[in-house]
Amino acid sequence: MAIPADSNGNTKENEKRSKYKDLEIEVNRTYRARTKIVPVVNGALGTIKKGLYQNLQLLPSHLSAIELQKITLMSTTHNTFKSAGVNRFDLLLRSVLTRVLPPNN
């Protein structure tokens, strides 16, 4: 999974595919298992790349695009506040996100 700046999504996806291609080939040879590289790239501000929904369906986890956006926004906000020297924003952030995006059941 990668969280690049919104404009670098295609570059990051291609980077991930080429980075893990050797591993894919090695697993195919060693275990005679069919493998596929599934890049999950979400922009730093929560933008969704074309094909993300299809890629998420290929994964064994049940992660939804909305949950991925929540994780991304929390991480981006955390890094922004941390670089600004603000502590204990996580409780505030969670309360705001809970009001904006209700939890999935």
Foldseek 3Di string as FASTA:
>chain_A
DEAEAPVCQVVVQVVQCVVCVVVQVVCCVPVVDHDDDQDQYAYLQGHHDPCNQVSCVVDPDPDDSVNVSLVSPLVSVVVVCVVVVDPDCNVVSVVVCCVVPPDDD
